[in-house]
N, C-alpha and C. Protein backbone atom coordinates (compact mmCIF):
# COMPACT_ATOMS: atom_id res chain seq x y z
N MET A 1 0.84 -1.18 0.00
CA MET A 1 0.00 0.00 0.00
C MET A 1 0.89 1.24 0.00
N ARG A 2 0.62 2.15 -0.88
CA ARG A 2 1.39 3.38 -0.98
C ARG A 2 0.92 4.38 0.08
N GLU A 3 1.85 5.00 0.75
CA GLU A 3 1.51 5.96 1.79
C GLU A 3 1.58 7.37 1.23
N ASN A 4 0.55 8.15 1.49
CA ASN A 4 0.49 9.54 1.03
C ASN A 4 0.44 10.47 2.24
N ARG A 5 1.32 10.31 3.15
CA ARG A 5 1.30 11.10 4.38
C ARG A 5 2.07 12.40 4.19
N ARG A 6 1.56 13.44 4.84
CA ARG A 6 2.25 14.74 4.80
C ARG A 6 3.49 14.74 5.68
N ASP A 7 3.40 14.10 6.83
CA ASP A 7 4.47 14.14 7.82
C ASP A 7 4.92 12.74 8.21
N GLU A 8 6.18 12.63 8.54
CA GLU A 8 6.71 11.34 8.99
C GLU A 8 6.11 10.98 10.35
N ARG A 9 5.76 9.70 10.51
CA ARG A 9 5.23 9.21 11.78
C ARG A 9 6.35 8.66 12.63
N TYR A 10 6.21 8.84 13.93
CA TYR A 10 7.21 8.34 14.88
C TYR A 10 6.52 7.43 15.88
N PRO A 11 7.06 6.23 16.12
CA PRO A 11 6.45 5.36 17.12
C PRO A 11 6.65 5.96 18.50
N ILE A 12 5.55 6.17 19.18
CA ILE A 12 5.59 6.71 20.54
C ILE A 12 4.35 6.22 21.27
N THR A 13 4.56 5.78 22.48
CA THR A 13 3.44 5.28 23.28
C THR A 13 3.28 6.16 24.51
N VAL A 14 2.21 6.92 24.54
CA VAL A 14 1.85 7.74 25.70
C VAL A 14 0.34 7.65 25.88
N GLU A 15 -0.12 7.89 27.08
CA GLU A 15 -1.55 7.93 27.32
C GLU A 15 -2.07 9.32 27.02
N VAL A 16 -3.22 9.37 26.35
CA VAL A 16 -3.86 10.65 26.05
C VAL A 16 -5.32 10.60 26.51
N GLU A 17 -5.81 11.76 26.90
CA GLU A 17 -7.23 11.90 27.24
C GLU A 17 -7.97 12.31 25.97
N VAL A 18 -9.07 11.64 25.71
CA VAL A 18 -9.89 11.93 24.53
C VAL A 18 -11.25 12.39 25.02
N MET A 19 -11.68 13.55 24.53
CA MET A 19 -12.98 14.11 24.92
C MET A 19 -13.76 14.50 23.68
N ILE A 20 -15.06 14.30 23.71
CA ILE A 20 -15.92 14.75 22.61
C ILE A 20 -16.75 15.90 23.14
N PRO A 21 -16.51 17.12 22.66
CA PRO A 21 -17.27 18.27 23.16
C PRO A 21 -18.76 18.06 22.95
N GLY A 22 -19.53 18.33 24.01
CA GLY A 22 -20.98 18.24 23.93
C GLY A 22 -21.53 16.83 24.00
N PHE A 23 -20.67 15.80 24.09
CA PHE A 23 -21.15 14.42 24.13
C PHE A 23 -20.79 13.77 25.44
N TRP A 24 -19.52 13.74 25.76
CA TRP A 24 -19.08 13.16 27.03
C TRP A 24 -18.89 14.29 28.02
N LYS A 25 -19.95 14.76 28.60
CA LYS A 25 -19.84 15.88 29.54
C LYS A 25 -18.99 15.46 30.72
N LYS A 26 -17.88 16.13 30.87
CA LYS A 26 -16.94 15.90 31.97
C LYS A 26 -16.38 14.49 32.00
N ARG A 27 -16.69 13.67 31.03
CA ARG A 27 -16.16 12.31 30.97
C ARG A 27 -15.05 12.25 29.94
N LYS A 28 -13.99 11.61 30.29
CA LYS A 28 -12.86 11.46 29.38
C LYS A 28 -12.57 9.98 29.22
N ARG A 29 -12.03 9.65 28.09
CA ARG A 29 -11.51 8.30 27.88
C ARG A 29 -10.00 8.43 27.77
N VAL A 30 -9.30 7.49 28.34
CA VAL A 30 -7.84 7.49 28.23
C VAL A 30 -7.46 6.38 27.26
N LEU A 31 -6.76 6.77 26.19
CA LEU A 31 -6.30 5.83 25.18
C LEU A 31 -4.79 5.95 25.07
N ARG A 32 -4.19 4.99 24.40
CA ARG A 32 -2.73 4.97 24.22
C ARG A 32 -2.41 5.24 22.74
N THR A 33 -1.35 6.00 22.52
CA THR A 33 -0.92 6.27 21.15
C THR A 33 -0.05 5.12 20.66
N LEU A 34 -0.06 4.89 19.36
CA LEU A 34 0.86 3.94 18.73
C LEU A 34 1.93 4.68 17.95
N ASP A 35 1.53 5.80 17.33
CA ASP A 35 2.50 6.65 16.66
C ASP A 35 1.92 8.06 16.56
N MET A 36 2.83 9.00 16.22
CA MET A 36 2.43 10.40 16.19
C MET A 36 3.23 11.12 15.12
N SER A 37 2.64 12.17 14.56
CA SER A 37 3.34 13.03 13.62
C SER A 37 2.96 14.48 13.93
N ASN A 38 3.47 15.42 13.15
CA ASN A 38 3.10 16.81 13.35
C ASN A 38 1.63 17.08 13.01
N SER A 39 1.04 16.21 12.18
CA SER A 39 -0.33 16.46 11.73
C SER A 39 -1.38 15.54 12.34
N GLY A 40 -0.98 14.53 13.13
CA GLY A 40 -1.98 13.64 13.72
C GLY A 40 -1.37 12.56 14.58
N VAL A 41 -2.24 11.66 15.01
CA VAL A 41 -1.83 10.59 15.92
C VAL A 41 -2.70 9.36 15.66
N PHE A 42 -2.13 8.17 15.89
CA PHE A 42 -2.90 6.93 15.80
C PHE A 42 -3.14 6.45 17.22
N LEU A 43 -4.42 6.28 17.57
CA LEU A 43 -4.82 5.88 18.92
C LEU A 43 -5.26 4.44 18.95
N GLU A 44 -4.78 3.70 19.91
CA GLU A 44 -5.10 2.28 20.06
C GLU A 44 -6.49 2.13 20.67
N CYS A 45 -7.34 1.36 20.02
CA CYS A 45 -8.67 1.01 20.54
C CYS A 45 -9.17 -0.18 19.73
N ASP A 46 -10.09 -0.94 20.31
CA ASP A 46 -10.65 -2.04 19.53
C ASP A 46 -11.82 -1.50 18.71
N GLY A 47 -12.29 -2.29 17.79
CA GLY A 47 -13.34 -1.84 16.89
C GLY A 47 -14.58 -1.32 17.58
N LYS A 48 -14.90 -1.83 18.76
CA LYS A 48 -16.10 -1.41 19.47
C LYS A 48 -15.93 -0.06 20.16
N SER A 49 -14.72 0.26 20.60
CA SER A 49 -14.53 1.51 21.34
C SER A 49 -13.99 2.64 20.49
N CYS A 50 -13.68 2.37 19.21
CA CYS A 50 -13.22 3.44 18.32
C CYS A 50 -14.41 4.34 17.96
N LEU A 51 -14.11 5.57 17.66
CA LEU A 51 -15.14 6.53 17.26
C LEU A 51 -15.32 6.49 15.74
N PRO A 52 -16.49 6.84 15.25
CA PRO A 52 -16.72 6.82 13.80
C PRO A 52 -15.89 7.87 13.06
N VAL A 53 -15.56 7.57 11.81
CA VAL A 53 -14.86 8.52 10.95
C VAL A 53 -15.67 9.81 10.88
N GLY A 54 -14.99 10.93 10.98
CA GLY A 54 -15.64 12.24 10.93
C GLY A 54 -15.91 12.84 12.30
N THR A 55 -15.81 12.04 13.36
CA THR A 55 -16.06 12.55 14.70
C THR A 55 -14.99 13.56 15.09
N GLU A 56 -15.42 14.73 15.56
CA GLU A 56 -14.47 15.72 16.06
C GLU A 56 -14.30 15.51 17.56
N LEU A 57 -13.06 15.64 18.02
CA LEU A 57 -12.76 15.37 19.41
C LEU A 57 -11.63 16.28 19.87
N GLU A 58 -11.34 16.20 21.15
CA GLU A 58 -10.21 16.92 21.73
C GLU A 58 -9.27 15.90 22.32
N VAL A 59 -7.97 16.13 22.14
CA VAL A 59 -6.94 15.20 22.60
C VAL A 59 -5.96 15.97 23.47
N ARG A 60 -5.56 15.36 24.58
CA ARG A 60 -4.56 15.97 25.45
C ARG A 60 -3.72 14.86 26.07
N ILE A 61 -2.41 15.05 26.07
CA ILE A 61 -1.53 14.08 26.74
C ILE A 61 -1.93 14.02 28.20
N SER A 62 -2.04 12.84 28.74
CA SER A 62 -2.46 12.64 30.12
C SER A 62 -1.30 12.95 31.06
N GLY A 63 -1.51 13.83 31.99
CA GLY A 63 -0.47 14.19 32.95
C GLY A 63 0.32 15.39 32.50
N PRO A 64 1.08 15.99 33.41
CA PRO A 64 1.84 17.20 33.06
C PRO A 64 2.99 16.91 32.11
N VAL A 65 3.33 17.91 31.32
CA VAL A 65 4.44 17.81 30.39
C VAL A 65 5.41 18.93 30.75
N GLY A 66 6.56 18.55 31.26
CA GLY A 66 7.54 19.55 31.65
C GLY A 66 7.06 20.45 32.77
N GLY A 67 6.16 19.94 33.61
CA GLY A 67 5.66 20.73 34.73
C GLY A 67 4.42 21.54 34.40
N ASP A 68 4.10 21.71 33.12
CA ASP A 68 2.93 22.48 32.72
C ASP A 68 1.79 21.55 32.32
N ALA A 69 0.58 22.06 32.40
CA ALA A 69 -0.57 21.30 31.92
C ALA A 69 -0.47 21.23 30.39
N PRO A 70 -0.63 20.05 29.81
CA PRO A 70 -0.53 19.94 28.34
C PRO A 70 -1.71 20.62 27.66
N PRO A 71 -1.50 21.12 26.45
CA PRO A 71 -2.59 21.79 25.73
C PRO A 71 -3.62 20.78 25.23
N VAL A 72 -4.82 21.27 25.01
CA VAL A 72 -5.88 20.48 24.40
C VAL A 72 -5.83 20.78 22.90
N VAL A 73 -5.83 19.73 22.08
CA VAL A 73 -5.74 19.88 20.63
C VAL A 73 -7.01 19.32 19.99
N ARG A 74 -7.63 20.10 19.12
CA ARG A 74 -8.80 19.62 18.38
C ARG A 74 -8.34 18.68 17.28
N ALA A 75 -9.15 17.64 17.03
CA ALA A 75 -8.79 16.64 16.02
C ALA A 75 -10.06 16.04 15.42
N ARG A 76 -9.87 15.28 14.32
CA ARG A 76 -10.99 14.59 13.66
C ARG A 76 -10.55 13.19 13.29
N VAL A 77 -11.42 12.20 13.51
CA VAL A 77 -11.13 10.82 13.14
C VAL A 77 -11.20 10.71 11.62
N VAL A 78 -10.11 10.18 11.01
CA VAL A 78 -10.07 10.05 9.55
C VAL A 78 -10.01 8.61 9.07
N ARG A 79 -9.68 7.68 9.97
CA ARG A 79 -9.60 6.27 9.58
C ARG A 79 -9.74 5.41 10.82
N VAL A 80 -10.45 4.28 10.67
CA VAL A 80 -10.59 3.31 11.75
C VAL A 80 -10.16 1.95 11.22
N THR A 81 -9.33 1.24 12.00
CA THR A 81 -8.87 -0.10 11.64
C THR A 81 -9.22 -1.04 12.79
N GLY A 82 -8.82 -2.28 12.67
CA GLY A 82 -9.08 -3.25 13.73
C GLY A 82 -8.35 -2.98 15.02
N ASP A 83 -7.25 -2.20 14.95
CA ASP A 83 -6.48 -1.96 16.18
C ASP A 83 -6.49 -0.50 16.63
N GLY A 84 -7.21 0.37 15.93
CA GLY A 84 -7.25 1.74 16.40
C GLY A 84 -7.84 2.71 15.40
N MET A 85 -7.61 3.99 15.68
CA MET A 85 -8.14 5.04 14.82
C MET A 85 -7.09 6.12 14.61
N ALA A 86 -7.06 6.63 13.38
CA ALA A 86 -6.16 7.70 13.02
C ALA A 86 -6.93 9.00 13.14
N VAL A 87 -6.33 9.98 13.80
CA VAL A 87 -6.95 11.28 13.91
C VAL A 87 -5.98 12.34 13.37
N VAL A 88 -6.54 13.34 12.72
CA VAL A 88 -5.74 14.45 12.19
C VAL A 88 -6.03 15.67 13.06
N PHE A 89 -4.98 16.42 13.37
CA PHE A 89 -5.14 17.63 14.16
C PHE A 89 -5.81 18.70 13.31
N ILE A 90 -6.72 19.48 13.93
CA ILE A 90 -7.41 20.55 13.24
C ILE A 90 -6.75 21.87 13.65
N PRO A 91 -6.20 22.61 12.67
CA PRO A 91 -5.57 23.88 13.01
C PRO A 91 -6.58 24.88 13.57
N LYS A 92 -6.08 25.77 14.40
CA LYS A 92 -6.96 26.79 14.99
C LYS A 92 -7.42 27.76 13.94
């Protein structure tokens, strides 16, 4: 399969909080990353817990980063596979 990615992906495993504005009020899900790039991240989940393609969400690394609270980044699900979902970051 030919890859048409804008940015190189790097294997990295960290826990991230995933929130859907207006859907999971005050509820967060914690998922693990499989890889990350400047334009998105692949999140590990099984087919039942993955979100549908097109879902907009917010992603934040779980826990402090360098002593500061990590930023919340808007994203959209662009692909779902048997082992997870690919999300692309949405620019401000």
